[in-house]
Amino acid sequence: MTTPDEIDENVRAGSVEGPLTATEQGLIDEIRRRTSALGERFCTSCGYCLPCPQEVNIPGIFRLWNLQRGYGNDAYSRLEYQKLCEQRHWADFPGASAEHCVECGLCETKCPEGLPVMADLKKAHSDLTAPRQ
């Protein structure tokens, strides 16, 4: 949730009584299936890890990685990460790529998910730049 309206919407959704419909349960099952590929803990793009002294776009990189791993959006994720690496001015995700990380560790001290940000940035970079099979 990022806005008061989204909070209100969630409160309304949580106050509905009765069982879920088959369609609603199906949507929940599909979301669980897709997000299970991300592991038990993953970046939620909260942005608390920022600012990075090297201007690495940590949440942007992890968002692309999440889209690649959890939602099968490989082509878009790779293209946008390539634009980030090449510092193209029209990239959807501005800032620096993971290869600019100097492992200062500031991001990890601020991550509310307790993620191994530095190690995950390396994995994300590797996955987003690996040759396609």
N, C-alpha and C. Protein backbone atom coordinates (compact mmCIF):
# COMPACT_ATOMS: atom_id res chain seq x y z
N MET A 1 0.85 -1.17 0.00
CA MET A 1 0.00 0.00 0.00
C MET A 1 0.89 1.23 0.00
N THR A 2 0.52 2.17 -0.83
CA THR A 2 1.32 3.39 -0.91
C THR A 2 0.50 4.67 -0.75
N THR A 3 -0.81 4.55 -0.69
CA THR A 3 -1.65 5.73 -0.53
C THR A 3 -2.75 5.45 0.50
N PRO A 4 -3.31 6.51 1.07
CA PRO A 4 -4.44 6.31 2.00
C PRO A 4 -5.63 5.60 1.33
N ASP A 5 -5.85 5.87 0.05
CA ASP A 5 -6.95 5.20 -0.65
C ASP A 5 -6.74 3.69 -0.72
N GLU A 6 -5.48 3.26 -0.90
CA GLU A 6 -5.20 1.83 -0.93
C GLU A 6 -5.42 1.20 0.44
N ILE A 7 -5.13 1.92 1.49
CA ILE A 7 -5.40 1.43 2.84
C ILE A 7 -6.89 1.26 3.03
N ASP A 8 -7.66 2.27 2.64
CA ASP A 8 -9.12 2.19 2.76
C ASP A 8 -9.68 1.02 1.96
N GLU A 9 -9.15 0.82 0.77
CA GLU A 9 -9.60 -0.29 -0.07
C GLU A 9 -9.32 -1.63 0.60
N ASN A 10 -8.15 -1.76 1.20
CA ASN A 10 -7.81 -3.00 1.88
C ASN A 10 -8.67 -3.23 3.12
N VAL A 11 -8.97 -2.16 3.83
CA VAL A 11 -9.85 -2.28 5.00
C VAL A 11 -11.24 -2.75 4.55
N ARG A 12 -11.75 -2.18 3.47
CA ARG A 12 -13.06 -2.62 2.96
C ARG A 12 -13.01 -4.08 2.53
N ALA A 13 -11.95 -4.46 1.85
CA ALA A 13 -11.84 -5.85 1.40
C ALA A 13 -11.76 -6.81 2.58
N GLY A 14 -11.06 -6.40 3.63
CA GLY A 14 -10.92 -7.26 4.80
C GLY A 14 -12.17 -7.34 5.65
N SER A 15 -13.08 -6.41 5.48
CA SER A 15 -14.29 -6.41 6.31
C SER A 15 -15.44 -7.19 5.67
N VAL A 16 -15.26 -7.69 4.45
CA VAL A 16 -16.30 -8.47 3.79
C VAL A 16 -16.37 -9.84 4.46
N GLU A 17 -17.58 -10.23 4.84
CA GLU A 17 -17.76 -11.51 5.52
C GLU A 17 -18.15 -12.59 4.52
N GLY A 18 -17.90 -13.81 4.91
CA GLY A 18 -18.28 -14.94 4.08
C GLY A 18 -17.09 -15.51 3.34
N PRO A 19 -17.28 -16.68 2.76
CA PRO A 19 -16.17 -17.34 2.04
C PRO A 19 -15.87 -16.63 0.72
N LEU A 20 -14.66 -16.86 0.23
CA LEU A 20 -14.27 -16.32 -1.06
C LEU A 20 -14.99 -17.07 -2.17
N THR A 21 -15.22 -16.37 -3.27
CA THR A 21 -15.78 -17.06 -4.43
C THR A 21 -14.69 -17.91 -5.06
N ALA A 22 -15.07 -18.79 -5.94
CA ALA A 22 -14.09 -19.63 -6.64
C ALA A 22 -13.13 -18.77 -7.45
N THR A 23 -13.62 -17.70 -8.04
CA THR A 23 -12.77 -16.79 -8.82
C THR A 23 -11.76 -16.10 -7.91
N GLU A 24 -12.23 -15.61 -6.76
CA GLU A 24 -11.32 -14.94 -5.82
C GLU A 24 -10.25 -15.90 -5.31
N GLN A 25 -10.65 -17.11 -4.96
CA GLN A 25 -9.70 -18.10 -4.47
C GLN A 25 -8.70 -18.46 -5.57
N GLY A 26 -9.17 -18.54 -6.81
CA GLY A 26 -8.30 -18.83 -7.93
C GLY A 26 -7.24 -17.75 -8.12
N LEU A 27 -7.64 -16.49 -7.96
CA LEU A 27 -6.68 -15.39 -8.06
C LEU A 27 -5.63 -15.46 -6.97
N ILE A 28 -6.05 -15.76 -5.77
CA ILE A 28 -5.12 -15.88 -4.64
C ILE A 28 -4.15 -17.04 -4.89
N ASP A 29 -4.66 -18.15 -5.36
CA ASP A 29 -3.80 -19.31 -5.65
C ASP A 29 -2.78 -18.97 -6.73
N GLU A 30 -3.20 -18.24 -7.75
CA GLU A 30 -2.29 -17.86 -8.83
C GLU A 30 -1.20 -16.91 -8.32
N ILE A 31 -1.56 -15.96 -7.49
CA ILE A 31 -0.57 -15.04 -6.91
C ILE A 31 0.42 -15.81 -6.04
N ARG A 32 -0.07 -16.73 -5.25
CA ARG A 32 0.82 -17.56 -4.41
C ARG A 32 1.77 -18.38 -5.27
N ARG A 33 1.26 -18.96 -6.34
CA ARG A 33 2.09 -19.78 -7.22
C ARG A 33 3.21 -18.93 -7.84
N ARG A 34 2.85 -17.76 -8.32
CA ARG A 34 3.85 -16.91 -8.97
C ARG A 34 4.87 -16.36 -7.97
N THR A 35 4.41 -15.91 -6.84
CA THR A 35 5.35 -15.32 -5.88
C THR A 35 6.19 -16.36 -5.17
N SER A 36 5.80 -17.62 -5.22
CA SER A 36 6.62 -18.65 -4.58
C SER A 36 7.97 -18.76 -5.26
N ALA A 37 8.07 -18.39 -6.53
CA ALA A 37 9.34 -18.40 -7.25
C ALA A 37 10.30 -17.35 -6.71
N LEU A 38 9.78 -16.38 -5.97
CA LEU A 38 10.62 -15.32 -5.42
C LEU A 38 11.27 -15.72 -4.10
N GLY A 39 10.83 -16.82 -3.53
CA GLY A 39 11.34 -17.24 -2.23
C GLY A 39 10.46 -16.70 -1.11
N GLU A 40 10.86 -16.99 0.10
CA GLU A 40 10.05 -16.57 1.25
C GLU A 40 10.16 -15.08 1.52
N ARG A 41 11.33 -14.52 1.24
CA ARG A 41 11.54 -13.08 1.44
C ARG A 41 12.04 -12.48 0.14
N PHE A 42 11.47 -11.34 -0.22
CA PHE A 42 11.89 -10.67 -1.43
C PHE A 42 11.66 -9.17 -1.29
N CYS A 43 12.32 -8.41 -2.14
CA CYS A 43 12.21 -6.95 -2.09
C CYS A 43 10.78 -6.53 -2.41
N THR A 44 10.24 -5.68 -1.56
CA THR A 44 8.90 -5.16 -1.75
C THR A 44 8.91 -3.75 -2.32
N SER A 45 10.08 -3.27 -2.71
CA SER A 45 10.26 -1.93 -3.30
C SER A 45 9.87 -0.80 -2.35
N CYS A 46 10.13 -1.00 -1.07
CA CYS A 46 9.79 0.04 -0.09
C CYS A 46 10.70 1.26 -0.24
N GLY A 47 11.92 1.04 -0.71
CA GLY A 47 12.86 2.14 -0.91
C GLY A 47 13.64 2.55 0.32
N TYR A 48 13.47 1.85 1.43
CA TYR A 48 14.20 2.21 2.65
C TYR A 48 15.71 2.05 2.48
N CYS A 49 16.14 1.24 1.53
CA CYS A 49 17.57 1.02 1.28
C CYS A 49 18.24 2.23 0.64
N LEU A 50 17.44 3.15 0.15
CA LEU A 50 17.97 4.33 -0.53
C LEU A 50 18.14 5.49 0.44
N PRO A 51 18.98 6.45 0.14
CA PRO A 51 19.76 6.55 -1.08
C PRO A 51 21.03 5.70 -0.99
N CYS A 52 21.40 5.15 -2.12
CA CYS A 52 22.65 4.42 -2.24
C CYS A 52 23.74 5.42 -2.58
N PRO A 53 24.88 5.40 -1.89
CA PRO A 53 25.96 6.34 -2.19
C PRO A 53 26.46 6.24 -3.63
N GLN A 54 26.28 5.07 -4.25
CA GLN A 54 26.72 4.87 -5.63
C GLN A 54 25.56 5.04 -6.63
N GLU A 55 24.40 5.43 -6.11
CA GLU A 55 23.19 5.66 -6.90
C GLU A 55 22.66 4.39 -7.56
N VAL A 56 22.97 3.24 -6.97
CA VAL A 56 22.41 1.98 -7.48
C VAL A 56 20.91 1.99 -7.21
N ASN A 57 20.13 1.71 -8.23
CA ASN A 57 18.68 1.69 -8.09
C ASN A 57 18.27 0.31 -7.56
N ILE A 58 18.47 0.12 -6.29
CA ILE A 58 18.25 -1.19 -5.67
C ILE A 58 16.81 -1.67 -5.85
N PRO A 59 15.79 -0.89 -5.47
CA PRO A 59 14.43 -1.40 -5.63
C PRO A 59 14.05 -1.60 -7.10
N GLY A 60 14.56 -0.75 -7.99
CA GLY A 60 14.27 -0.91 -9.41
C GLY A 60 14.85 -2.20 -9.97
N ILE A 61 16.08 -2.49 -9.59
CA ILE A 61 16.74 -3.72 -10.04
C ILE A 61 15.99 -4.93 -9.50
N PHE A 62 15.64 -4.89 -8.22
CA PHE A 62 14.92 -6.02 -7.64
C PHE A 62 13.52 -6.15 -8.24
N ARG A 63 12.90 -5.05 -8.61
CA ARG A 63 11.58 -5.14 -9.25
C ARG A 63 11.70 -5.88 -10.58
N LEU A 64 12.73 -5.53 -11.37
CA LEU A 64 12.95 -6.22 -12.64
C LEU A 64 13.24 -7.70 -12.41
N TRP A 65 14.04 -7.99 -11.40
CA TRP A 65 14.39 -9.38 -11.08
C TRP A 65 13.15 -10.15 -10.63
N ASN A 66 12.31 -9.50 -9.81
CA ASN A 66 11.06 -10.14 -9.38
C ASN A 66 10.15 -10.43 -10.58
N LEU A 67 10.05 -9.47 -11.50
CA LEU A 67 9.23 -9.68 -12.69
C LEU A 67 9.76 -10.83 -13.53
N GLN A 68 11.06 -10.95 -13.62
CA GLN A 68 11.68 -12.02 -14.38
C GLN A 68 11.43 -13.37 -13.72
N ARG A 69 11.72 -13.48 -12.43
CA ARG A 69 11.64 -14.76 -11.72
C ARG A 69 10.22 -15.17 -11.40
N GLY A 70 9.42 -14.24 -10.92
CA GLY A 70 8.10 -14.59 -10.41
C GLY A 70 6.97 -14.48 -11.41
N TYR A 71 7.20 -13.73 -12.47
CA TYR A 71 6.09 -13.48 -13.40
C TYR A 71 6.44 -13.82 -14.84
N GLY A 72 7.63 -14.39 -15.07
CA GLY A 72 8.00 -14.82 -16.40
C GLY A 72 8.18 -13.70 -17.40
N ASN A 73 8.44 -12.50 -16.90
CA ASN A 73 8.58 -11.34 -17.79
C ASN A 73 10.05 -11.12 -18.10
N ASP A 74 10.66 -12.09 -18.73
CA ASP A 74 12.09 -12.09 -18.99
C ASP A 74 12.50 -11.00 -19.98
N ALA A 75 11.81 -10.88 -21.10
CA ALA A 75 12.22 -9.94 -22.15
C ALA A 75 12.22 -8.50 -21.64
N TYR A 76 11.13 -8.09 -21.01
CA TYR A 76 11.05 -6.72 -20.48
C TYR A 76 12.12 -6.49 -19.42
N SER A 77 12.27 -7.42 -18.51
CA SER A 77 13.23 -7.25 -17.43
C SER A 77 14.64 -7.10 -17.96
N ARG A 78 15.01 -7.94 -18.91
CA ARG A 78 16.35 -7.87 -19.49
C ARG A 78 16.56 -6.56 -20.24
N LEU A 79 15.58 -6.16 -21.02
CA LEU A 79 15.70 -4.93 -21.80
C LEU A 79 15.85 -3.72 -20.88
N GLU A 80 15.01 -3.62 -19.88
CA GLU A 80 15.09 -2.48 -18.97
C GLU A 80 16.39 -2.48 -18.18
N TYR A 81 16.86 -3.67 -17.79
CA TYR A 81 18.13 -3.72 -17.06
C TYR A 81 19.28 -3.34 -17.98
N GLN A 82 19.23 -3.77 -19.23
CA GLN A 82 20.26 -3.38 -20.19
C GLN A 82 20.31 -1.86 -20.35
N LYS A 83 19.14 -1.24 -20.43
CA LYS A 83 19.08 0.22 -20.53
C LYS A 83 19.69 0.86 -19.29
N LEU A 84 19.42 0.28 -18.12
CA LEU A 84 19.99 0.80 -16.88
C LEU A 84 21.52 0.67 -16.91
N CYS A 85 22.02 -0.48 -17.34
CA CYS A 85 23.47 -0.70 -17.42
C CYS A 85 24.14 0.28 -18.39
N GLU A 86 23.45 0.55 -19.47
CA GLU A 86 24.02 1.44 -20.49
C GLU A 86 23.72 2.91 -20.22
N GLN A 87 22.99 3.18 -19.13
CA GLN A 87 22.63 4.55 -18.74
C GLN A 87 21.88 5.29 -19.85
N ARG A 88 20.98 4.57 -20.50
CA ARG A 88 20.16 5.21 -21.53
C ARG A 88 19.19 6.17 -20.87
N HIS A 89 19.06 7.34 -21.40
CA HIS A 89 18.23 8.37 -20.76
C HIS A 89 16.74 8.05 -20.78
N TRP A 90 16.31 7.13 -21.60
CA TRP A 90 14.88 6.79 -21.65
C TRP A 90 14.54 5.53 -20.84
N ALA A 91 15.47 5.08 -20.03
CA ALA A 91 15.21 3.90 -19.22
C ALA A 91 14.08 4.15 -18.22
N ASP A 92 13.25 3.13 -18.01
CA ASP A 92 12.18 3.24 -17.02
C ASP A 92 12.73 3.30 -15.60
N PHE A 93 13.95 2.78 -15.43
CA PHE A 93 14.57 2.70 -14.11
C PHE A 93 15.87 3.49 -14.13
N PRO A 94 15.85 4.73 -13.67
CA PRO A 94 17.08 5.53 -13.67
C PRO A 94 18.03 5.09 -12.56
N GLY A 95 19.23 5.63 -12.59
CA GLY A 95 20.20 5.30 -11.56
C GLY A 95 21.26 4.36 -12.11
N ALA A 96 22.00 3.76 -11.22
CA ALA A 96 23.10 2.89 -11.60
C ALA A 96 22.70 1.42 -11.48
N SER A 97 23.37 0.58 -12.25
CA SER A 97 23.12 -0.86 -12.23
C SER A 97 23.86 -1.51 -11.06
N ALA A 98 23.59 -2.78 -10.85
CA ALA A 98 24.15 -3.51 -9.72
C ALA A 98 25.67 -3.58 -9.74
N GLU A 99 26.26 -3.52 -10.93
CA GLU A 99 27.71 -3.62 -11.02
C GLU A 99 28.43 -2.41 -10.41
N HIS A 100 27.68 -1.37 -10.07
CA HIS A 100 28.26 -0.20 -9.41
C HIS A 100 28.29 -0.31 -7.89
N CYS A 101 27.71 -1.37 -7.36
CA CYS A 101 27.69 -1.59 -5.91
C CYS A 101 29.12 -1.81 -5.41
N VAL A 102 29.50 -1.08 -4.38
CA VAL A 102 30.84 -1.22 -3.78
C VAL A 102 30.77 -1.98 -2.46
N GLU A 103 29.61 -2.55 -2.17
CA GLU A 103 29.39 -3.36 -0.97
C GLU A 103 29.68 -2.60 0.32
N CYS A 104 29.20 -1.37 0.39
CA CYS A 104 29.36 -0.59 1.62
C CYS A 104 28.47 -1.12 2.73
N GLY A 105 27.35 -1.78 2.37
CA GLY A 105 26.46 -2.39 3.35
C GLY A 105 25.39 -1.49 3.94
N LEU A 106 25.36 -0.22 3.56
CA LEU A 106 24.35 0.69 4.12
C LEU A 106 22.93 0.20 3.83
N CYS A 107 22.72 -0.33 2.65
CA CYS A 107 21.39 -0.79 2.26
C CYS A 107 20.91 -1.92 3.17
N GLU A 108 21.81 -2.81 3.52
CA GLU A 108 21.41 -3.95 4.35
C GLU A 108 21.04 -3.53 5.76
N THR A 109 21.65 -2.48 6.26
CA THR A 109 21.31 -2.01 7.62
C THR A 109 19.93 -1.38 7.66
N LYS A 110 19.41 -0.96 6.50
CA LYS A 110 18.13 -0.27 6.45
C LYS A 110 16.98 -1.13 5.92
N CYS A 111 17.29 -2.32 5.39
CA CYS A 111 16.26 -3.16 4.77
C CYS A 111 15.34 -3.78 5.82
N PRO A 112 14.04 -3.44 5.82
CA PRO A 112 13.12 -4.01 6.82
C PRO A 112 12.86 -5.49 6.60
N GLU A 113 13.16 -6.00 5.41
CA GLU A 113 12.97 -7.42 5.12
C GLU A 113 14.18 -8.24 5.55
N GLY A 114 15.27 -7.56 5.92
CA GLY A 114 16.49 -8.25 6.33
C GLY A 114 17.16 -9.00 5.18
N LEU A 115 17.00 -8.49 3.98
CA LEU A 115 17.55 -9.17 2.80
C LEU A 115 19.06 -9.01 2.72
N PRO A 116 19.73 -10.02 2.15
CA PRO A 116 21.15 -9.90 1.85
C PRO A 116 21.30 -9.10 0.55
N VAL A 117 21.09 -7.82 0.64
CA VAL A 117 20.97 -6.96 -0.55
C VAL A 117 22.19 -7.08 -1.46
N MET A 118 23.38 -7.03 -0.89
CA MET A 118 24.58 -7.05 -1.72
C MET A 118 24.68 -8.36 -2.51
N ALA A 119 24.44 -9.48 -1.86
CA ALA A 119 24.49 -10.78 -2.55
C ALA A 119 23.35 -10.89 -3.57
N ASP A 120 22.17 -10.41 -3.20
CA ASP A 120 21.04 -10.49 -4.12
C ASP A 120 21.24 -9.59 -5.34
N LEU A 121 21.91 -8.45 -5.17
CA LEU A 121 22.20 -7.60 -6.32
C LEU A 121 23.09 -8.35 -7.32
N LYS A 122 24.06 -9.08 -6.81
CA LYS A 122 24.93 -9.87 -7.69
C LYS A 122 24.13 -10.93 -8.44
N LYS A 123 23.22 -11.61 -7.73
CA LYS A 123 22.39 -12.64 -8.35
C LYS A 123 21.47 -12.01 -9.41
N ALA A 124 20.87 -10.88 -9.05
CA ALA A 124 19.97 -10.19 -9.98
C ALA A 124 20.73 -9.79 -11.25
N HIS A 125 21.91 -9.21 -11.06
CA HIS A 125 22.71 -8.80 -12.22
C HIS A 125 23.02 -10.00 -13.10
N SER A 126 23.42 -11.09 -12.47
CA SER A 126 23.75 -12.30 -13.22
C SER A 126 22.54 -12.83 -13.99
N ASP A 127 21.39 -12.90 -13.34
CA ASP A 127 20.18 -13.41 -13.99
C ASP A 127 19.70 -12.50 -15.10
N LEU A 128 19.81 -11.18 -14.89
CA LEU A 128 19.30 -10.23 -15.86
C LEU A 128 20.23 -10.02 -17.05
N THR A 129 21.48 -10.50 -16.93
CA THR A 129 22.43 -10.34 -18.04
C THR A 129 22.91 -11.66 -18.61
N ALA A 130 22.49 -12.78 -18.04
CA ALA A 130 22.93 -14.10 -18.51
C ALA A 130 22.46 -14.34 -19.94
N PRO A 131 23.27 -15.04 -20.72
CA PRO A 131 22.82 -15.38 -22.08
C PRO A 131 21.52 -16.19 -22.02
N ARG A 132 20.65 -15.93 -22.93
CA ARG A 132 19.37 -16.66 -22.98
C ARG A 132 19.63 -18.08 -23.45
N GLN A 133 18.86 -18.97 -22.87
CA GLN A 133 19.02 -20.39 -23.23
C GLN A 133 18.02 -20.80 -24.27
